[in-house]
Amino acid sequence: MLNSVTVAASDSVLVEHGDFGCVADYASARAKQLESLLLVLSGDGADALERCDGEARENVMWLLRMLAAEVGGAVRALTALPGVPAIAEGEHNVQ
């Protein structure tokens, strides 16, 4: 497929998407999930997480790392497409 994109979701799982729009939707969904999870874990949520056992806390941290890795992988895949400007390492244009 022309301009086909593969997104690395983890070391052992690959998520394949066909085009820019699919990967952009995927990245947007994962970013929203990550944002929502971080919002829930702030303030009183941080206290609730602290009361959880070590395995539960580690699983939440694992989930956060996986979501962040998926967003990063999707962004890297998007910028690898022809005609899409690359983002320099460490460059952030968040407003």
C-alpha atoms as a PDB file:
ATOM      1  CA  MET A   1       0.000   0.000   0.000  1.00  0.00           C
ATOM      2  CA  LEU A   2       1.310   3.453  -0.872  1.00  0.00           C
ATOM      3  CA  ASN A   3       2.569   5.323   2.209  1.00  0.00           C
ATOM      4  CA  SER A   4       1.690   2.397   4.468  1.00  0.00           C
ATOM      5  CA  VAL A   5       2.728   2.947   8.067  1.00  0.00           C
ATOM      6  CA  THR A   6       3.593   0.472  10.817  1.00  0.00           C
ATOM      7  CA  VAL A   7       3.510   1.669  14.430  1.00  0.00           C
ATOM      8  CA  ALA A   8       5.566  -0.100  17.073  1.00  0.00           C
ATOM      9  CA  ALA A   9       3.304  -0.507  20.085  1.00  0.00           C
ATOM     10  CA  SER A  10       5.903  -2.373  22.145  1.00  0.00           C
ATOM     11  CA  ASP A  11       8.947  -4.542  21.651  1.00  0.00           C
ATOM     12  CA  SER A  12       6.789  -7.494  20.638  1.00  0.00           C
ATOM     13  CA  VAL A  13       3.619  -5.994  19.155  1.00  0.00           C
ATOM     14  CA  LEU A  14       3.231  -4.047  15.931  1.00  0.00           C
ATOM     15  CA  VAL A  15       0.113  -2.160  14.979  1.00  0.00           C
ATOM     16  CA  GLU A  16      -0.261  -1.691  11.262  1.00  0.00           C
ATOM     17  CA  HIS A  17      -2.144   1.200   9.709  1.00  0.00           C
ATOM     18  CA  GLY A  18      -2.640   2.049   6.100  1.00  0.00           C
ATOM     19  CA  ASP A  19      -2.323   5.793   5.888  1.00  0.00           C
ATOM     20  CA  PHE A  20      -1.680   9.129   7.592  1.00  0.00           C
ATOM     21  CA  GLY A  21      -5.288   9.571   8.753  1.00  0.00           C
ATOM     22  CA  CYS A  22      -5.422   6.161  10.460  1.00  0.00           C
ATOM     23  CA  VAL A  23      -2.147   6.729  12.306  1.00  0.00           C
ATOM     24  CA  ALA A  24      -3.142  10.274  13.257  1.00  0.00           C
ATOM     25  CA  ASP A  25      -6.411   8.952  14.708  1.00  0.00           C
ATOM     26  CA  TYR A  26      -4.522   6.206  16.554  1.00  0.00           C
ATOM     27  CA  ALA A  27      -2.010   8.694  18.006  1.00  0.00           C
ATOM     28  CA  SER A  28      -4.787  11.085  18.996  1.00  0.00           C
ATOM     29  CA  ALA A  29      -6.761   8.345  20.761  1.00  0.00           C
ATOM     30  CA  ARG A  30      -3.712   7.103  22.681  1.00  0.00           C
ATOM     31  CA  ALA A  31      -2.711  10.660  23.630  1.00  0.00           C
ATOM     32  CA  LYS A  32      -6.224  11.318  24.986  1.00  0.00           C
ATOM     33  CA  GLN A  33      -6.112   8.063  26.959  1.00  0.00           C
ATOM     34  CA  LEU A  34      -2.734   8.999  28.410  1.00  0.00           C
ATOM     35  CA  GLU A  35      -3.933  12.507  29.241  1.00  0.00           C
ATOM     36  CA  SER A  36      -7.059  11.151  30.956  1.00  0.00           C
ATOM     37  CA  LEU A  37      -5.117   8.602  32.973  1.00  0.00           C
ATOM     38  CA  LEU A  38      -2.643  11.236  34.135  1.00  0.00           C
ATOM     39  CA  LEU A  39      -5.523  13.542  35.089  1.00  0.00           C
ATOM     40  CA  VAL A  40      -7.130  10.772  37.171  1.00  0.00           C
ATOM     41  CA  LEU A  41      -3.785  10.060  38.869  1.00  0.00           C
ATOM     42  CA  SER A  42      -3.171  13.666  39.898  1.00  0.00           C
ATOM     43  CA  GLY A  43      -4.365  15.235  43.141  1.00  0.00           C
ATOM     44  CA  ASP A  44      -6.550  12.846  45.124  1.00  0.00           C
ATOM     45  CA  GLY A  45      -5.888  10.135  42.534  1.00  0.00           C
ATOM     46  CA  ALA A  46      -2.208  10.163  43.443  1.00  0.00           C
ATOM     47  CA  ASP A  47      -3.175   9.458  47.050  1.00  0.00           C
ATOM     48  CA  ALA A  48      -5.402   6.582  45.937  1.00  0.00           C
ATOM     49  CA  LEU A  49      -2.601   5.140  43.825  1.00  0.00           C
ATOM     50  CA  GLU A  50      -0.225   5.381  46.767  1.00  0.00           C
ATOM     51  CA  ARG A  51      -2.637   3.287  48.841  1.00  0.00           C
ATOM     52  CA  CYS A  52      -2.588   0.502  46.224  1.00  0.00           C
ATOM     53  CA  ASP A  53      -0.235  -2.431  46.592  1.00  0.00           C
ATOM     54  CA  GLY A  54       3.107  -2.412  44.793  1.00  0.00           C
ATOM     55  CA  GLU A  55       1.955  -4.656  41.950  1.00  0.00           C
ATOM     56  CA  ALA A  56      -1.039  -2.423  41.177  1.00  0.00           C
ATOM     57  CA  ARG A  57       1.164   0.704  41.198  1.00  0.00           C
ATOM     58  CA  GLU A  58       3.689  -0.993  38.909  1.00  0.00           C
ATOM     59  CA  ASN A  59       0.915  -2.022  36.527  1.00  0.00           C
ATOM     60  CA  VAL A  60      -0.350   1.569  36.335  1.00  0.00           C
ATOM     61  CA  MET A  61       3.198   2.807  35.639  1.00  0.00           C
ATOM     62  CA  TRP A  62       3.561   0.095  32.984  1.00  0.00           C
ATOM     63  CA  LEU A  63       0.317   1.290  31.367  1.00  0.00           C
ATOM     64  CA  LEU A  64       1.570   4.889  31.347  1.00  0.00           C
ATOM     65  CA  ARG A  65       4.884   3.823  29.774  1.00  0.00           C
ATOM     66  CA  MET A  66       3.086   1.756  27.121  1.00  0.00           C
ATOM     67  CA  LEU A  67       0.715   4.579  26.189  1.00  0.00           C
ATOM     68  CA  ALA A  68       3.590   7.064  25.994  1.00  0.00           C
ATOM     69  CA  ALA A  69       5.594   4.633  23.827  1.00  0.00           C
ATOM     70  CA  GLU A  70       2.615   4.122  21.517  1.00  0.00           C
ATOM     71  CA  VAL A  71       2.118   7.870  21.081  1.00  0.00           C
ATOM     72  CA  GLY A  72       5.836   8.313  20.400  1.00  0.00           C
ATOM     73  CA  GLY A  73       5.866   5.428  17.924  1.00  0.00           C
ATOM     74  CA  ALA A  74       2.862   6.818  16.075  1.00  0.00           C
ATOM     75  CA  VAL A  75       4.403  10.285  15.844  1.00  0.00           C
ATOM     76  CA  ARG A  76       7.677   8.824  14.552  1.00  0.00           C
ATOM     77  CA  ALA A  77       5.737   6.769  11.992  1.00  0.00           C
ATOM     78  CA  LEU A  78       3.819   9.845  10.858  1.00  0.00           C
ATOM     79  CA  THR A  79       6.970  11.894  10.420  1.00  0.00           C
ATOM     80  CA  ALA A  80       8.523   9.068   8.366  1.00  0.00           C
ATOM     81  CA  LEU A  81       5.872   9.507   5.662  1.00  0.00           C
ATOM     82  CA  PRO A  82       6.896  11.387   2.520  1.00  0.00           C
ATOM     83  CA  GLY A  83       6.017  15.069   2.692  1.00  0.00           C
ATOM     84  CA  VAL A  84       5.634  15.176   6.474  1.00  0.00           C
ATOM     85  CA  PRO A  85       8.287  17.300   8.204  1.00  0.00           C
ATOM     86  CA  ALA A  86      10.404  15.456  10.753  1.00  0.00           C
ATOM     87  CA  ILE A  87      10.380  16.516  14.382  1.00  0.00           C
ATOM     88  CA  ALA A  88      13.843  16.960  15.833  1.00  0.00           C
ATOM     89  CA  GLU A  89      14.647  14.940  18.952  1.00  0.00           C
ATOM     90  CA  GLY A  90      13.573  16.969  21.986  1.00  0.00           C
ATOM     91  CA  GLU A  91      11.631  19.507  19.897  1.00  0.00           C
ATOM     92  CA  HIS A  92       8.251  20.349  21.420  1.00  0.00           C
ATOM     93  CA  ASN A  93       5.695  22.657  19.872  1.00  0.00           C
ATOM     94  CA  VAL A  94       2.986  22.144  22.464  1.00  0.00           C
ATOM     95  CA  GLN A  95       0.897  25.195  23.273  1.00  0.00           C
END
